[in-house]
Amino acid sequence: TQGVDESKGFFGDFSKTLANTRTKGANTQNIYNFFATPIA
């Protein structure tokens, strides 16, 4: 149950981040670059 709650929280944060890519005038390239190479 705790794992499900954590997964739901991650999914909520992830969906908010993706929602930002649909905002008009937002620079989406940085978000896409982060998803392409999230960890250096």
Full PDB file with SEQRES, HELIX, SHEET, SSBOND, CRYST1, ORIGX, SCALE, CONECT and MASTER records, all heavy atoms in Angstrom:
SEQRES   1 A   40  THR GLN GLY VAL ASP GLU SER LYS GLY PHE PHE GLY ASP          
SEQRES   2 A   40  PHE SER LYS THR LEU ALA ASN THR ARG THR LYS GLY ALA          
SEQRES   3 A   40  ASN THR GLN ASN ILE TYR ASN PHE PHE ALA THR PRO ILE          
SEQRES   4 A   40  ALA                                                          
HELIX    1 AA1 GLN A    2  ASN A   20  1                                  19    
HELIX    2 AA2 GLN A   29  ALA A   36  1                                   8    
CRYST1    1.000    1.000    1.000  90.00  90.00  90.00 P 1           1          
ORIGX1      1.000000  0.000000  0.000000        0.00000                         
ORIGX2      0.000000  1.000000  0.000000        0.00000                         
ORIGX3      0.000000  0.000000  1.000000        0.00000                         
SCALE1      1.000000  0.000000  0.000000        0.00000                         
SCALE2      0.000000  1.000000  0.000000        0.00000                         
SCALE3      0.000000  0.000000  1.000000        0.00000                         
ATOM      1  N   THR A   1       0.832  -1.202   0.000  1.00  0.00           N  
ATOM      2  CA  THR A   1       0.000   0.000   0.000  1.00  0.00           C  
ATOM      3  C   THR A   1       0.865   1.251   0.000  1.00  0.00           C  
ATOM      4  O   THR A   1       0.578   2.220  -0.716  1.00  0.00           O  
ATOM      5  CB  THR A   1      -0.933  -0.004   1.227  1.00  0.00           C  
ATOM      6  OG1 THR A   1      -1.715  -1.200   1.201  1.00  0.00           O  
ATOM      7  CG2 THR A   1      -1.867   1.192   1.225  1.00  0.00           C  
ATOM      8  N   GLN A   2       1.940   1.235   0.780  1.00  0.00           N  
ATOM      9  CA  GLN A   2       2.849   2.380   0.791  1.00  0.00           C  
ATOM     10  C   GLN A   2       3.479   2.566  -0.579  1.00  0.00           C  
ATOM     11  O   GLN A   2       3.625   3.687  -1.060  1.00  0.00           O  
ATOM     12  CB  GLN A   2       3.943   2.186   1.841  1.00  0.00           C  
ATOM     13  CG  GLN A   2       3.441   2.279   3.261  1.00  0.00           C  
ATOM     14  CD  GLN A   2       4.510   1.885   4.272  1.00  0.00           C  
ATOM     15  OE1 GLN A   2       5.602   1.486   3.901  1.00  0.00           O  
ATOM     16  NE2 GLN A   2       4.186   1.994   5.541  1.00  0.00           N  
ATOM     17  N   GLY A   3       3.855   1.477  -1.227  1.00  0.00           N  
ATOM     18  CA  GLY A   3       4.442   1.565  -2.559  1.00  0.00           C  
ATOM     19  C   GLY A   3       3.466   2.145  -3.566  1.00  0.00           C  
ATOM     20  O   GLY A   3       3.848   2.929  -4.444  1.00  0.00           O  
ATOM     21  N   VAL A   4       2.199   1.785  -3.441  1.00  0.00           N  
ATOM     22  CA  VAL A   4       1.185   2.324  -4.345  1.00  0.00           C  
ATOM     23  C   VAL A   4       1.045   3.824  -4.135  1.00  0.00           C  
ATOM     24  O   VAL A   4       0.960   4.601  -5.092  1.00  0.00           O  
ATOM     25  CB  VAL A   4      -0.167   1.600  -4.136  1.00  0.00           C  
ATOM     26  CG1 VAL A   4      -1.297   2.332  -4.835  1.00  0.00           C  
ATOM     27  CG2 VAL A   4      -0.087   0.176  -4.632  1.00  0.00           C  
ATOM     28  N   ASP A   5       1.044   4.260  -2.867  1.00  0.00           N  
ATOM     29  CA  ASP A   5       0.943   5.684  -2.581  1.00  0.00           C  
ATOM     30  C   ASP A   5       2.126   6.450  -3.167  1.00  0.00           C  
ATOM     31  O   ASP A   5       1.960   7.535  -3.739  1.00  0.00           O  
ATOM     32  CB  ASP A   5       0.853   5.927  -1.073  1.00  0.00           C  
ATOM     33  CG  ASP A   5      -0.455   5.415  -0.480  1.00  0.00           C  
ATOM     34  OD1 ASP A   5      -1.426   5.245  -1.254  1.00  0.00           O  
ATOM     35  OD2 ASP A   5      -0.503   5.179   0.745  1.00  0.00           O  
ATOM     36  N   GLU A   6       3.331   5.898  -3.034  1.00  0.00           N  
ATOM     37  CA  GLU A   6       4.506   6.547  -3.604  1.00  0.00           C  
ATOM     38  C   GLU A   6       4.412   6.597  -5.122  1.00  0.00           C  
ATOM     39  O   GLU A   6       4.763   7.608  -5.737  1.00  0.00           O  
ATOM     40  CB  GLU A   6       5.768   5.809  -3.176  1.00  0.00           C  
ATOM     41  CG  GLU A   6       6.094   5.945  -1.706  1.00  0.00           C  
ATOM     42  CD  GLU A   6       7.247   5.053  -1.274  1.00  0.00           C  
ATOM     43  OE1 GLU A   6       7.853   4.404  -2.151  1.00  0.00           O  
ATOM     44  OE2 GLU A   6       7.531   5.018  -0.066  1.00  0.00           O  
ATOM     45  N   SER A   7       3.944   5.520  -5.740  1.00  0.00           N  
ATOM     46  CA  SER A   7       3.795   5.497  -7.191  1.00  0.00           C  
ATOM     47  C   SER A   7       2.771   6.523  -7.651  1.00  0.00           C  
ATOM     48  O   SER A   7       2.959   7.195  -8.668  1.00  0.00           O  
ATOM     49  CB  SER A   7       3.378   4.105  -7.676  1.00  0.00           C  
ATOM     50  OG  SER A   7       4.386   3.174  -7.383  1.00  0.00           O  
ATOM     51  N   LYS A   8       1.679   6.655  -6.906  1.00  0.00           N  
ATOM     52  CA  LYS A   8       0.669   7.655  -7.262  1.00  0.00           C  
ATOM     53  C   LYS A   8       1.244   9.061  -7.171  1.00  0.00           C  
ATOM     54  O   LYS A   8       0.974   9.907  -8.021  1.00  0.00           O  
ATOM     55  CB  LYS A   8      -0.557   7.530  -6.349  1.00  0.00           C  
ATOM     56  CG  LYS A   8      -1.442   6.354  -6.651  1.00  0.00           C  
ATOM     57  CD  LYS A   8      -2.639   6.306  -5.715  1.00  0.00           C  
ATOM     58  CE  LYS A   8      -3.503   5.105  -5.987  1.00  0.00           C  
ATOM     59  NZ  LYS A   8      -4.630   5.009  -5.039  1.00  0.00           N  
ATOM     60  N   GLY A   9       2.053   9.313  -6.133  1.00  0.00           N  
ATOM     61  CA  GLY A   9       2.681  10.624  -5.990  1.00  0.00           C  
ATOM     62  C   GLY A   9       3.627  10.905  -7.142  1.00  0.00           C  
ATOM     63  O   GLY A   9       3.625  12.015  -7.704  1.00  0.00           O  
ATOM     64  N   PHE A  10       4.430   9.920  -7.519  1.00  0.00           N  
ATOM     65  CA  PHE A  10       5.346  10.090  -8.647  1.00  0.00           C  
ATOM     66  C   PHE A  10       4.564  10.331  -9.927  1.00  0.00           C  
ATOM     67  O   PHE A  10       4.910  11.201 -10.730  1.00  0.00           O  
ATOM     68  CB  PHE A  10       6.249   8.862  -8.793  1.00  0.00           C  
ATOM     69  CG  PHE A  10       7.138   8.919  -9.995  1.00  0.00           C  
ATOM     70  CD1 PHE A  10       8.262   9.733  -9.999  1.00  0.00           C  
ATOM     71  CD2 PHE A  10       6.839   8.183 -11.129  1.00  0.00           C  
ATOM     72  CE1 PHE A  10       9.085   9.801 -11.115  1.00  0.00           C  
ATOM     73  CE2 PHE A  10       7.651   8.246 -12.242  1.00  0.00           C  
ATOM     74  CZ  PHE A  10       8.776   9.055 -12.233  1.00  0.00           C  
ATOM     75  N   PHE A  11       3.502   9.568 -10.124  1.00  0.00           N  
ATOM     76  CA  PHE A  11       2.689   9.730 -11.334  1.00  0.00           C  
ATOM     77  C   PHE A  11       2.075  11.129 -11.380  1.00  0.00           C  
ATOM     78  O   PHE A  11       2.026  11.753 -12.442  1.00  0.00           O  
ATOM     79  CB  PHE A  11       1.596   8.663 -11.381  1.00  0.00           C  
ATOM     80  CG  PHE A  11       0.658   8.823 -12.534  1.00  0.00           C  
ATOM     81  CD1 PHE A  11       1.076   8.529 -13.828  1.00  0.00           C  
ATOM     82  CD2 PHE A  11      -0.632   9.291 -12.345  1.00  0.00           C  
ATOM     83  CE1 PHE A  11       0.216   8.687 -14.897  1.00  0.00           C  
ATOM     84  CE2 PHE A  11      -1.488   9.456 -13.419  1.00  0.00           C  
ATOM     85  CZ  PHE A  11      -1.071   9.148 -14.696  1.00  0.00           C  
ATOM     86  N   GLY A  12       1.615  11.623 -10.230  1.00  0.00           N  
ATOM     87  CA  GLY A  12       1.042  12.974 -10.190  1.00  0.00           C  
ATOM     88  C   GLY A  12       2.065  14.028 -10.567  1.00  0.00           C  
ATOM     89  O   GLY A  12       1.785  14.930 -11.370  1.00  0.00           O  
ATOM     90  N   ASP A  13       3.265  13.917  -9.991  1.00  0.00           N  
ATOM     91  CA  ASP A  13       4.325  14.882 -10.321  1.00  0.00           C  
ATOM     92  C   ASP A  13       4.726  14.779 -11.793  1.00  0.00           C  
ATOM     93  O   ASP A  13       4.950  15.790 -12.460  1.00  0.00           O  
ATOM     94  CB  ASP A  13       5.552  14.647  -9.435  1.00  0.00           C  
ATOM     95  CG  ASP A  13       5.276  14.951  -7.971  1.00  0.00           C  
ATOM     96  OD1 ASP A  13       4.290  15.658  -7.688  1.00  0.00           O  
ATOM     97  OD2 ASP A  13       6.052  14.469  -7.116  1.00  0.00           O  
ATOM     98  N   PHE A  14       4.812  13.563 -12.283  1.00  0.00           N  
ATOM     99  CA  PHE A  14       5.205  13.362 -13.681  1.00  0.00           C  
ATOM    100  C   PHE A  14       4.149  13.936 -14.628  1.00  0.00           C  
ATOM    101  O   PHE A  14       4.482  14.574 -15.632  1.00  0.00           O  
ATOM    102  CB  PHE A  14       5.409  11.873 -13.928  1.00  0.00           C  
ATOM    103  CG  PHE A  14       6.014  11.550 -15.260  1.00  0.00           C  
ATOM    104  CD1 PHE A  14       7.356  11.812 -15.491  1.00  0.00           C  
ATOM    105  CD2 PHE A  14       5.268  10.991 -16.274  1.00  0.00           C  
ATOM    106  CE1 PHE A  14       7.938  11.528 -16.710  1.00  0.00           C  
ATOM    107  CE2 PHE A  14       5.844  10.693 -17.489  1.00  0.00           C  
ATOM    108  CZ  PHE A  14       7.177  10.963 -17.710  1.00  0.00           C  
ATOM    109  N   SER A  15       2.874  13.729 -14.297  1.00  0.00           N  
ATOM    110  CA  SER A  15       1.816  14.251 -15.163  1.00  0.00           C  
ATOM    111  C   SER A  15       1.800  15.781 -15.150  1.00  0.00           C  
ATOM    112  O   SER A  15       1.518  16.414 -16.167  1.00  0.00           O  
ATOM    113  CB  SER A  15       0.454  13.697 -14.758  1.00  0.00           C  
ATOM    114  OG  SER A  15       0.113  14.137 -13.460  1.00  0.00           O  
ATOM    115  N   LYS A  16       2.137  16.404 -13.990  1.00  0.00           N  
ATOM    116  CA  LYS A  16       2.224  17.862 -13.948  1.00  0.00           C  
ATOM    117  C   LYS A  16       3.364  18.362 -14.824  1.00  0.00           C  
ATOM    118  O   LYS A  16       3.233  19.374 -15.521  1.00  0.00           O  
ATOM    119  CB  LYS A  16       2.427  18.345 -12.514  1.00  0.00           C  
ATOM    120  CG  LYS A  16       1.210  18.187 -11.636  1.00  0.00           C  
ATOM    121  CD  LYS A  16       1.520  18.592 -10.209  1.00  0.00           C  
ATOM    122  CE  LYS A  16       0.360  18.279  -9.287  1.00  0.00           C  
ATOM    123  NZ  LYS A  16       0.690  18.541  -7.881  1.00  0.00           N  
ATOM    124  N   THR A  17       4.489  17.637 -14.788  1.00  0.00           N  
ATOM    125  CA  THR A  17       5.626  18.029 -15.627  1.00  0.00           C  
ATOM    126  C   THR A  17       5.256  17.922 -17.100  1.00  0.00           C  
ATOM    127  O   THR A  17       5.556  18.813 -17.895  1.00  0.00           O  
ATOM    128  CB  THR A  17       6.844  17.141 -15.331  1.00  0.00           C  
ATOM    129  OG1 THR A  17       7.160  17.234 -13.951  1.00  0.00           O  
ATOM    130  CG2 THR A  17       8.048  17.550 -16.150  1.00  0.00           C  
ATOM    131  N   LEU A  18       4.581  16.856 -17.467  1.00  0.00           N  
ATOM    132  CA  LEU A  18       4.169  16.715 -18.864  1.00  0.00           C  
ATOM    133  C   LEU A  18       3.121  17.754 -19.236  1.00  0.00           C  
ATOM    134  O   LEU A  18       3.081  18.223 -20.375  1.00  0.00           O  
ATOM    135  CB  LEU A  18       3.635  15.306 -19.126  1.00  0.00           C  
ATOM    136  CG  LEU A  18       4.689  14.213 -19.216  1.00  0.00           C  
ATOM    137  CD1 LEU A  18       4.029  12.867 -19.490  1.00  0.00           C  
ATOM    138  CD2 LEU A  18       5.716  14.513 -20.286  1.00  0.00           C  
ATOM    139  N   ALA A  19       2.279  18.126 -18.277  1.00  0.00           N  
ATOM    140  CA  ALA A  19       1.281  19.164 -18.558  1.00  0.00           C  
ATOM    141  C   ALA A  19       1.964  20.487 -18.883  1.00  0.00           C  
ATOM    142  O   ALA A  19       1.456  21.273 -19.685  1.00  0.00           O  
ATOM    143  CB  ALA A  19       0.342  19.315 -17.373  1.00  0.00           C  
ATOM    144  N   ASN A  20       3.118  20.738 -18.274  1.00  0.00           N  
ATOM    145  CA  ASN A  20       3.851  21.966 -18.564  1.00  0.00           C  
ATOM    146  C   ASN A  20       4.339  22.011 -20.004  1.00  0.00           C  
ATOM    147  O   ASN A  20       4.578  23.086 -20.552  1.00  0.00           O  
ATOM    148  CB  ASN A  20       5.044  22.124 -17.619  1.00  0.00           C  
ATOM    149  CG  ASN A  20       4.610  22.446 -16.213  1.00  0.00           C  
ATOM    150  OD1 ASN A  20       3.527  22.963 -15.992  1.00  0.00           O  
ATOM    151  ND2 ASN A  20       5.462  22.128 -15.261  1.00  0.00           N  
ATOM    152  N   THR A  21       4.511  20.868 -20.627  1.00  0.00           N  
ATOM    153  CA  THR A  21       4.964  20.867 -22.021  1.00  0.00           C  
ATOM    154  C   THR A  21       3.866  21.331 -22.963  1.00  0.00           C  
ATOM    155  O   THR A  21       4.154  21.714 -24.096  1.00  0.00           O  
ATOM    156  CB  THR A  21       5.434  19.461 -22.445  1.00  0.00           C  
ATOM    157  OG1 THR A  21       4.339  18.543 -22.381  1.00  0.00           O  
ATOM    158  CG2 THR A  21       6.581  18.987 -21.584  1.00  0.00           C  
ATOM    159  N   ARG A  22       2.630  21.310 -22.528  1.00  0.00           N  
ATOM    160  CA  ARG A  22       1.517  21.737 -23.380  1.00  0.00           C  
ATOM    161  C   ARG A  22       1.161  23.212 -23.182  1.00  0.00           C  
ATOM    162  O   ARG A  22       0.280  23.727 -23.840  1.00  0.00           O  
ATOM    163  CB  ARG A  22       0.296  20.855 -23.105  1.00  0.00           C  
ATOM    164  CG  ARG A  22       0.505  19.409 -23.530  1.00  0.00           C  
ATOM    165  CD  ARG A  22      -0.769  18.608 -23.412  1.00  0.00           C  
ATOM    166  NE  ARG A  22      -1.211  18.457 -22.041  1.00  0.00           N  
ATOM    167  CZ  ARG A  22      -0.927  17.439 -21.244  1.00  0.00           C  
ATOM    168  NH1 ARG A  22      -0.174  16.464 -21.695  1.00  0.00           N  
ATOM    169  NH2 ARG A  22      -1.395  17.376 -20.023  1.00  0.00           N  
ATOM    170  N   THR A  23       1.840  23.871 -22.242  1.00  0.00           N  
ATOM    171  CA  THR A  23       1.561  25.276 -21.982  1.00  0.00           C  
ATOM    172  C   THR A  23       2.111  26.113 -23.137  1.00  0.00           C  
ATOM    173  O   THR A  23       3.247  25.911 -23.571  1.00  0.00           O  
ATOM    174  CB  THR A  23       2.214  25.727 -20.658  1.00  0.00           C  
ATOM    175  OG1 THR A  23       1.746  24.877 -19.617  1.00  0.00           O  
ATOM    176  CG2 THR A  23       1.885  27.168 -20.341  1.00  0.00           C  
ATOM    177  N   LYS A  24       1.315  27.065 -23.591  1.00  0.00           N  
ATOM    178  CA  LYS A  24       1.746  27.910 -24.704  1.00  0.00           C  
ATOM    179  C   LYS A  24       2.893  28.804 -24.246  1.00  0.00           C  
ATOM    180  O   LYS A  24       2.870  29.357 -23.163  1.00  0.00           O  
ATOM    181  CB  LYS A  24       0.595  28.773 -25.209  1.00  0.00           C  
ATOM    182  CG  LYS A  24      -0.440  27.994 -25.960  1.00  0.00           C  
ATOM    183  CD  LYS A  24      -1.480  28.920 -26.542  1.00  0.00           C  
ATOM    184  CE  LYS A  24      -2.513  28.111 -27.294  1.00  0.00           C  
ATOM    185  NZ  LYS A  24      -3.523  28.957 -27.920  1.00  0.00           N  
ATOM    186  N   GLY A  25       3.903  28.912 -25.073  1.00  0.00           N  
ATOM    187  CA  GLY A  25       5.035  29.776 -24.795  1.00  0.00           C  
ATOM    188  C   GLY A  25       6.095  29.154 -23.910  1.00  0.00           C  
ATOM    189  O   GLY A  25       7.106  29.782 -23.621  1.00  0.00           O  
ATOM    190  N   ALA A  26       5.901  27.908 -23.426  1.00  0.00           N  
ATOM    191  CA  ALA A  26       6.892  27.249 -22.569  1.00  0.00           C  
ATOM    192  C   ALA A  26       8.007  26.670 -23.430  1.00  0.00           C  
ATOM    193  O   ALA A  26       7.770  26.202 -24.540  1.00  0.00           O  
ATOM    194  CB  ALA A  26       6.244  26.145 -21.760  1.00  0.00           C  
ATOM    195  N   ASN A  27       9.230  26.743 -22.919  1.00  0.00           N  
ATOM    196  CA  ASN A  27      10.365  26.159 -23.613  1.00  0.00           C  
ATOM    197  C   ASN A  27      10.413  24.679 -23.264  1.00  0.00           C  
ATOM    198  O   ASN A  27      10.872  24.281 -22.196  1.00  0.00           O  
ATOM    199  CB  ASN A  27      11.664  26.862 -23.212  1.00  0.00           C  
ATOM    200  CG  ASN A  27      12.859  26.327 -23.988  1.00  0.00           C  
ATOM    201  OD1 ASN A  27      12.732  25.471 -24.854  1.00  0.00           O  
ATOM    202  ND2 ASN A  27      14.025  26.854 -23.666  1.00  0.00           N  
ATOM    203  N   THR A  28       9.928  23.850 -24.138  1.00  0.00           N  
ATOM    204  CA  THR A  28       9.823  22.412 -23.864  1.00  0.00           C  
ATOM    205  C   THR A  28      11.120  21.671 -24.132  1.00  0.00           C  
ATOM    206  O   THR A  28      11.257  20.520 -23.715  1.00  0.00           O  
ATOM    207  CB  THR A  28       8.705  21.786 -24.711  1.00  0.00           C  
ATOM    208  OG1 THR A  28       8.991  22.037 -26.099  1.00  0.00           O  
ATOM    209  CG2 THR A  28       7.364  22.379 -24.349  1.00  0.00           C  
ATOM    210  N   GLN A  29      12.052  22.292 -24.783  1.00  0.00           N  
ATOM    211  CA  GLN A  29      13.286  21.587 -25.143  1.00  0.00           C  
ATOM    212  C   GLN A  29      14.053  21.125 -23.905  1.00  0.00           C  
ATOM    213  O   GLN A  29      14.584  20.017 -23.873  1.00  0.00           O  
ATOM    214  CB  GLN A  29      14.177  22.482 -26.008  1.00  0.00           C  
ATOM    215  CG  GLN A  29      15.345  21.735 -26.627  1.00  0.00           C  
ATOM    216  CD  GLN A  29      14.893  20.562 -27.500  1.00  0.00           C  
ATOM    217  OE1 GLN A  29      13.942  20.679 -28.278  1.00  0.00           O  
ATOM    218  NE2 GLN A  29      15.549  19.427 -27.357  1.00  0.00           N  
ATOM    219  N   ASN A  30      14.102  21.957 -22.849  1.00  0.00           N  
ATOM    220  CA  ASN A  30      14.805  21.562 -21.614  1.00  0.00           C  
ATOM    221  C   ASN A  30      14.142  20.352 -20.957  1.00  0.00           C  
ATOM    222  O   ASN A  30      14.815  19.477 -20.424  1.00  0.00           O  
ATOM    223  CB  ASN A  30      14.854  22.728 -20.637  1.00  0.00           C  
ATOM    224  CG  ASN A  30      15.771  23.834 -21.115  1.00  0.00           C  
ATOM    225  OD1 ASN A  30      16.667  23.578 -21.901  1.00  0.00           O  
ATOM    226  ND2 ASN A  30      15.537  25.042 -20.651  1.00  0.00           N  
ATOM    227  N   ILE A  31      12.817  20.312 -20.975  1.00  0.00           N  
ATOM    228  CA  ILE A  31      12.110  19.160 -20.384  1.00  0.00           C  
ATOM    229  C   ILE A  31      12.416  17.901 -21.184  1.00  0.00           C  
ATOM    230  O   ILE A  31      12.712  16.844 -20.626  1.00  0.00           O  
ATOM    231  CB  ILE A  31      10.596  19.437 -20.323  1.00  0.00           C  
ATOM    232  CG1 ILE A  31      10.321  20.596 -19.369  1.00  0.00           C  
ATOM    233  CG2 ILE A  31       9.832  18.197 -19.885  1.00  0.00           C  
ATOM    234  CD1 ILE A  31       8.891  21.073 -19.374  1.00  0.00           C  
ATOM    235  N   TYR A  32      12.367  18.006 -22.529  1.00  0.00           N  
ATOM    236  CA  TYR A  32      12.655  16.845 -23.359  1.00  0.00           C  
ATOM    237  C   TYR A  32      14.105  16.403 -23.193  1.00  0.00           C  
ATOM    238  O   TYR A  32      14.394  15.207 -23.174  1.00  0.00           O  
ATOM    239  CB  TYR A  32      12.348  17.145 -24.824  1.00  0.00           C  
ATOM    240  CG  TYR A  32      10.882  17.396 -25.092  1.00  0.00           C  
ATOM    241  CD1 TYR A  32      10.476  18.379 -25.977  1.00  0.00           C  
ATOM    242  CD2 TYR A  32       9.897  16.639 -24.462  1.00  0.00           C  
ATOM    243  CE1 TYR A  32       9.129  18.612 -26.225  1.00  0.00           C  
ATOM    244  CE2 TYR A  32       8.556  16.873 -24.699  1.00  0.00           C  
ATOM    245  CZ  TYR A  32       8.176  17.861 -25.584  1.00  0.00           C  
ATOM    246  OH  TYR A  32       6.860  18.079 -25.823  1.00  0.00           O  
ATOM    247  N   ASN A  33      15.028  17.349 -23.057  1.00  0.00           N  
ATOM    248  CA  ASN A  33      16.436  17.002 -22.842  1.00  0.00           C  
ATOM    249  C   ASN A  33      16.612  16.264 -21.515  1.00  0.00           C  
ATOM    250  O   ASN A  33      17.403  15.322 -21.405  1.00  0.00           O  
ATOM    251  CB  ASN A  33      17.320  18.248 -22.858  1.00  0.00           C  
ATOM    252  CG  ASN A  33      17.461  18.826 -24.248  1.00  0.00           C  
ATOM    253  OD1 ASN A  33      17.213  18.139 -25.236  1.00  0.00           O  
ATOM    254  ND2 ASN A  33      17.828  20.089 -24.324  1.00  0.00           N  
ATOM    255  N   PHE A  34      15.877  16.705 -20.475  1.00  0.00           N  
ATOM    256  CA  PHE A  34      15.974  16.038 -19.182  1.00  0.00           C  
ATOM    257  C   PHE A  34      15.489  14.601 -19.280  1.00  0.00           C  
ATOM    258  O   PHE A  34      16.103  13.685 -18.735  1.00  0.00           O  
ATOM    259  CB  PHE A  34      15.159  16.791 -18.121  1.00  0.00           C  
ATOM    260  CG  PHE A  34      15.098  16.073 -16.813  1.00  0.00           C  
ATOM    261  CD1 PHE A  34      16.186  16.054 -15.958  1.00  0.00           C  
ATOM    262  CD2 PHE A  34      13.959  15.376 -16.434  1.00  0.00           C  
ATOM    263  CE1 PHE A  34      16.144  15.376 -14.761  1.00  0.00           C  
ATOM    264  CE2 PHE A  34      13.906  14.688 -15.235  1.00  0.00           C  
ATOM    265  CZ  PHE A  34      15.008  14.700 -14.393  1.00  0.00           C  
ATOM    266  N   PHE A  35      14.374  14.390 -19.997  1.00  0.00           N  
ATOM    267  CA  PHE A  35      13.864  13.022 -20.135  1.00  0.00           C  
ATOM    268  C   PHE A  35      14.799  12.170 -20.981  1.00  0.00           C  
ATOM    269  O   PHE A  35      14.894  10.963 -20.790  1.00  0.00           O  
ATOM    270  CB  PHE A  35      12.466  13.024 -20.740  1.00  0.00           C  
ATOM    271  CG  PHE A  35      11.414  13.510 -19.789  1.00  0.00           C  
ATOM    272  CD1 PHE A  35      10.399  14.338 -20.230  1.00  0.00           C  
ATOM    273  CD2 PHE A  35      11.434  13.144 -18.464  1.00  0.00           C  
ATOM    274  CE1 PHE A  35       9.436  14.784 -19.357  1.00  0.00           C  
ATOM    275  CE2 PHE A  35      10.470  13.592 -17.582  1.00  0.00           C  
ATOM    276  CZ  PHE A  35       9.464  14.420 -18.033  1.00  0.00           C  
ATOM    277  N   ALA A  36      15.506  12.760 -21.905  1.00  0.00           N  
ATOM    278  CA  ALA A  36      16.424  12.004 -22.756  1.00  0.00           C  
ATOM    279  C   ALA A  36      17.672  11.581 -21.987  1.00  0.00           C  
ATOM    280  O   ALA A  36      18.163  10.471 -22.167  1.00  0.00           O  
ATOM    281  CB  ALA A  36      16.813  12.841 -23.967  1.00  0.00           C  
ATOM    282  N   THR A  37      18.195  12.451 -21.101  1.00  0.00           N  
ATOM    283  CA  THR A  37      19.374  12.129 -20.293  1.00  0.00           C  
ATOM    284  C   THR A  37      19.130  12.625 -18.868  1.00  0.00           C  
ATOM    285  O   THR A  37      19.649  13.670 -18.479  1.00  0.00           O  
ATOM    286  CB  THR A  37      20.629  12.810 -20.850  1.00  0.00           C  
ATOM    287  OG1 THR A  37      20.387  14.212 -20.914  1.00  0.00           O  
ATOM    288  CG2 THR A  37      20.996  12.294 -22.208  1.00  0.00           C  
ATOM    289  N   PRO A  38      18.329  11.916 -18.090  1.00  0.00           N  
ATOM    290  CA  PRO A  38      17.974  12.412 -16.756  1.00  0.00           C  
ATOM    291  C   PRO A  38      19.120  12.382 -15.750  1.00  0.00           C  
ATOM    292  O   PRO A  38      19.146  13.163 -14.830  1.00  0.00           O  
ATOM    293  CB  PRO A  38      16.849  11.485 -16.315  1.00  0.00           C  
ATOM    294  CG  PRO A  38      17.080  10.229 -17.091  1.00  0.00           C  
ATOM    295  CD  PRO A  38      17.678  10.658 -18.393  1.00  0.00           C  
ATOM    296  N   ILE A  39      20.104  11.501 -15.939  1.00  0.00           N  
ATOM    297  CA  ILE A  39      21.163  11.373 -14.947  1.00  0.00           C  
ATOM    298  C   ILE A  39      22.500  11.451 -15.668  1.00  0.00           C  
ATOM    299  O   ILE A  39      22.762  10.693 -16.606  1.00  0.00           O  
ATOM    300  CB  ILE A  39      21.066  10.032 -14.191  1.00  0.00           C  
ATOM    301  CG1 ILE A  39      19.748   9.947 -13.439  1.00  0.00           C  
ATOM    302  CG2 ILE A  39      22.243   9.866 -13.255  1.00  0.00           C  
ATOM    303  CD1 ILE A  39      19.503   8.614 -12.803  1.00  0.00           C  
ATOM    304  N   ALA A  40      23.340  12.369 -15.235  1.00  0.00           N  
ATOM    305  CA  ALA A  40      24.691  12.461 -15.771  1.00  0.00           C  
ATOM    306  C   ALA A  40      25.626  11.840 -14.751  1.00  0.00           C  
ATOM    307  O   ALA A  40      25.660  12.249 -13.594  1.00  0.00           O  
ATOM    308  CB  ALA A  40      25.067  13.920 -16.025  1.00  0.00           C  
TER     309      ALA A  40                                                      
MASTER        0    0    0    2    0    0    0    6  308    1    0    4          
END                                                                             
